[in-house]
C-alpha cells in the first residue's frame, strides 16, 4: 500500500468512521481499557503481530489495564492512509 499524507478534511472524514479515535498532538489516538495487565498485554501481542505485517508500528503506552495507541506516519510527517487502515484493524482486534 502506497502511503500518502491525509488532508485535514480526509482525517476528519476518517475520524467519523473510527470508533473512539481522535486526533491529539498530530496523531491518531485511542485508549483501550482492560480489566488487568494480562488482558492488556494479550491485546498488545495480537496488535503487534498484525502491525508487523503492515510494516508500520504504533507508539503505545501500557500501565496495567489501559493501553494508549498513537498512530502517525513519520515518513510523510503526519497522519496517513496507512494510519487509518491500521486504526480500523486495531479496532477489529479489540472487538474480538
C-alpha atoms as a PDB file:
ATOM      1  CA  UNK A   1       0.000   0.000   0.000  1.00  0.00           C
ATOM      2  CA  UNK A   2       1.405   3.363  -1.010  1.00  0.00           C
ATOM      3  CA  UNK A   3       1.451   5.845   1.843  1.00  0.00           C
ATOM      4  CA  UNK A   4       0.144   9.371   1.440  1.00  0.00           C
ATOM      5  CA  UNK A   5      -0.420  12.112   3.984  1.00  0.00           C
ATOM      6  CA  UNK A   6      -4.086  12.871   4.559  1.00  0.00           C
ATOM      7  CA  UNK A   7      -5.540  16.359   4.393  1.00  0.00           C
ATOM      8  CA  UNK A   8      -7.404  17.794   7.367  1.00  0.00           C
ATOM      9  CA  UNK A   9     -10.683  17.071   5.568  1.00  0.00           C
ATOM     10  CA  UNK A  10      -9.682  13.450   4.902  1.00  0.00           C
ATOM     11  CA  UNK A  11      -8.681  12.997   8.548  1.00  0.00           C
ATOM     12  CA  UNK A  12     -11.978  14.494   9.752  1.00  0.00           C
ATOM     13  CA  UNK A  13     -13.921  12.132   7.471  1.00  0.00           C
ATOM     14  CA  UNK A  14     -11.905   9.125   8.680  1.00  0.00           C
ATOM     15  CA  UNK A  15     -12.433  10.029  12.352  1.00  0.00           C
ATOM     16  CA  UNK A  16     -16.197   9.833  11.901  1.00  0.00           C
ATOM     17  CA  UNK A  17     -15.770   6.179  10.889  1.00  0.00           C
ATOM     18  CA  UNK A  18     -13.167   5.240  13.520  1.00  0.00           C
ATOM     19  CA  UNK A  19     -14.880   4.368  16.783  1.00  0.00           C
ATOM     20  CA  UNK A  20     -13.260   6.211  19.709  1.00  0.00           C
ATOM     21  CA  UNK A  21     -10.209   7.512  17.819  1.00  0.00           C
ATOM     22  CA  UNK A  22      -9.330  11.216  17.921  1.00  0.00           C
ATOM     23  CA  UNK A  23      -6.562  13.456  16.701  1.00  0.00           C
ATOM     24  CA  UNK A  24      -4.264  14.592  19.514  1.00  0.00           C
ATOM     25  CA  UNK A  25      -0.811  16.100  19.141  1.00  0.00           C
ATOM     26  CA  UNK A  26      -0.949  15.479  15.374  1.00  0.00           C
ATOM     27  CA  UNK A  27      -1.545  11.731  15.798  1.00  0.00           C
ATOM     28  CA  UNK A  28      -4.493   9.368  15.741  1.00  0.00           C
ATOM     29  CA  UNK A  29      -5.019   8.324  19.357  1.00  0.00           C
ATOM     30  CA  UNK A  30      -7.214   5.883  21.217  1.00  0.00           C
ATOM     31  CA  UNK A  31      -7.146   4.404  24.688  1.00  0.00           C
ATOM     32  CA  UNK A  32      -8.287   0.833  25.177  1.00  0.00           C
ATOM     33  CA  UNK A  33      -9.298  -0.407  28.621  1.00  0.00           C
ATOM     34  CA  UNK A  34      -8.809  -3.888  30.033  1.00  0.00           C
ATOM     35  CA  UNK A  35      -9.532  -5.360  33.450  1.00  0.00           C
ATOM     36  CA  UNK A  36      -5.885  -6.277  34.075  1.00  0.00           C
ATOM     37  CA  UNK A  37      -2.360  -6.383  32.678  1.00  0.00           C
ATOM     38  CA  UNK A  38      -2.764  -9.884  31.281  1.00  0.00           C
ATOM     39  CA  UNK A  39      -5.663  -8.849  29.036  1.00  0.00           C
ATOM     40  CA  UNK A  40      -3.889  -5.635  28.021  1.00  0.00           C
ATOM     41  CA  UNK A  41      -0.695  -7.484  27.143  1.00  0.00           C
ATOM     42  CA  UNK A  42      -2.633 -10.126  25.199  1.00  0.00           C
ATOM     43  CA  UNK A  43      -4.236  -7.360  23.123  1.00  0.00           C
ATOM     44  CA  UNK A  44      -0.857  -5.717  22.557  1.00  0.00           C
ATOM     45  CA  UNK A  45       0.575  -9.039  21.387  1.00  0.00           C
ATOM     46  CA  UNK A  46      -2.222  -9.512  18.844  1.00  0.00           C
ATOM     47  CA  UNK A  47      -1.783  -5.941  17.617  1.00  0.00           C
ATOM     48  CA  UNK A  48       1.995  -6.362  17.381  1.00  0.00           C
ATOM     49  CA  UNK A  49       1.650  -9.440  15.167  1.00  0.00           C
ATOM     50  CA  UNK A  50      -0.824  -7.662  12.897  1.00  0.00           C
ATOM     51  CA  UNK A  51       1.017  -4.359  12.568  1.00  0.00           C
ATOM     52  CA  UNK A  52       4.287  -6.090  11.795  1.00  0.00           C
ATOM     53  CA  UNK A  53       2.656  -7.329   8.586  1.00  0.00           C
ATOM     54  CA  UNK A  54       1.849  -3.684   7.741  1.00  0.00           C
ATOM     55  CA  UNK A  55       5.481  -2.707   8.374  1.00  0.00           C
ATOM     56  CA  UNK A  56       4.033   0.221  10.297  1.00  0.00           C
ATOM     57  CA  UNK A  57       4.255   0.305  14.058  1.00  0.00           C
ATOM     58  CA  UNK A  58       2.320   2.258  16.684  1.00  0.00           C
ATOM     59  CA  UNK A  59       3.565   4.348  19.525  1.00  0.00           C
ATOM     60  CA  UNK A  60       1.942   2.921  22.627  1.00  0.00           C
ATOM     61  CA  UNK A  61       1.836   3.140  26.389  1.00  0.00           C
ATOM     62  CA  UNK A  62       0.595   0.482  28.786  1.00  0.00           C
ATOM     63  CA  UNK A  63       0.247   0.766  32.542  1.00  0.00           C
ATOM     64  CA  UNK A  64      -1.615  -2.205  33.993  1.00  0.00           C
ATOM     65  CA  UNK A  65      -5.035  -2.181  32.256  1.00  0.00           C
ATOM     66  CA  UNK A  66      -5.135   0.777  29.861  1.00  0.00           C
ATOM     67  CA  UNK A  67      -3.319   0.759  26.519  1.00  0.00           C
ATOM     68  CA  UNK A  68      -2.962   4.068  24.652  1.00  0.00           C
ATOM     69  CA  UNK A  69      -2.068   3.832  20.977  1.00  0.00           C
ATOM     70  CA  UNK A  70      -0.835   6.707  18.807  1.00  0.00           C
ATOM     71  CA  UNK A  71      -0.581   6.346  15.047  1.00  0.00           C
ATOM     72  CA  UNK A  72       1.400   8.686  12.803  1.00  0.00           C
ATOM     73  CA  UNK A  73       3.494   8.198   9.681  1.00  0.00           C
ATOM     74  CA  UNK A  74       6.893   9.727  10.177  1.00  0.00           C
ATOM     75  CA  UNK A  75       7.812   9.176   6.520  1.00  0.00           C
ATOM     76  CA  UNK A  76       5.074  11.627   5.415  1.00  0.00           C
ATOM     77  CA  UNK A  77       5.253  13.776   8.561  1.00  0.00           C
ATOM     78  CA  UNK A  78       1.617  13.326   9.519  1.00  0.00           C
ATOM     79  CA  UNK A  79      -1.410  11.074   9.570  1.00  0.00           C
ATOM     80  CA  UNK A  80      -1.605   8.825   6.528  1.00  0.00           C
ATOM     81  CA  UNK A  81      -3.956   6.387   4.869  1.00  0.00           C
ATOM     82  CA  UNK A  82      -1.906   3.593   6.496  1.00  0.00           C
ATOM     83  CA  UNK A  83      -2.633   5.008   9.958  1.00  0.00           C
ATOM     84  CA  UNK A  84      -6.364   4.999   9.262  1.00  0.00           C
ATOM     85  CA  UNK A  85      -6.273   1.446   7.928  1.00  0.00           C
ATOM     86  CA  UNK A  86      -4.246   0.306  10.927  1.00  0.00           C
ATOM     87  CA  UNK A  87      -6.709   2.019  13.316  1.00  0.00           C
ATOM     88  CA  UNK A  88      -9.536   0.069  11.657  1.00  0.00           C
ATOM     89  CA  UNK A  89      -7.619  -3.184  12.056  1.00  0.00           C
ATOM     90  CA  UNK A  90      -6.804  -2.437  15.709  1.00  0.00           C
ATOM     91  CA  UNK A  91     -10.495  -1.720  16.381  1.00  0.00           C
ATOM     92  CA  UNK A  92     -11.314  -5.094  14.862  1.00  0.00           C
ATOM     93  CA  UNK A  93      -8.779  -6.853  17.093  1.00  0.00           C
ATOM     94  CA  UNK A  94     -10.230  -5.098  20.146  1.00  0.00           C
ATOM     95  CA  UNK A  95     -13.767  -6.099  19.178  1.00  0.00           C
ATOM     96  CA  UNK A  96     -12.739  -9.772  19.061  1.00  0.00           C
END
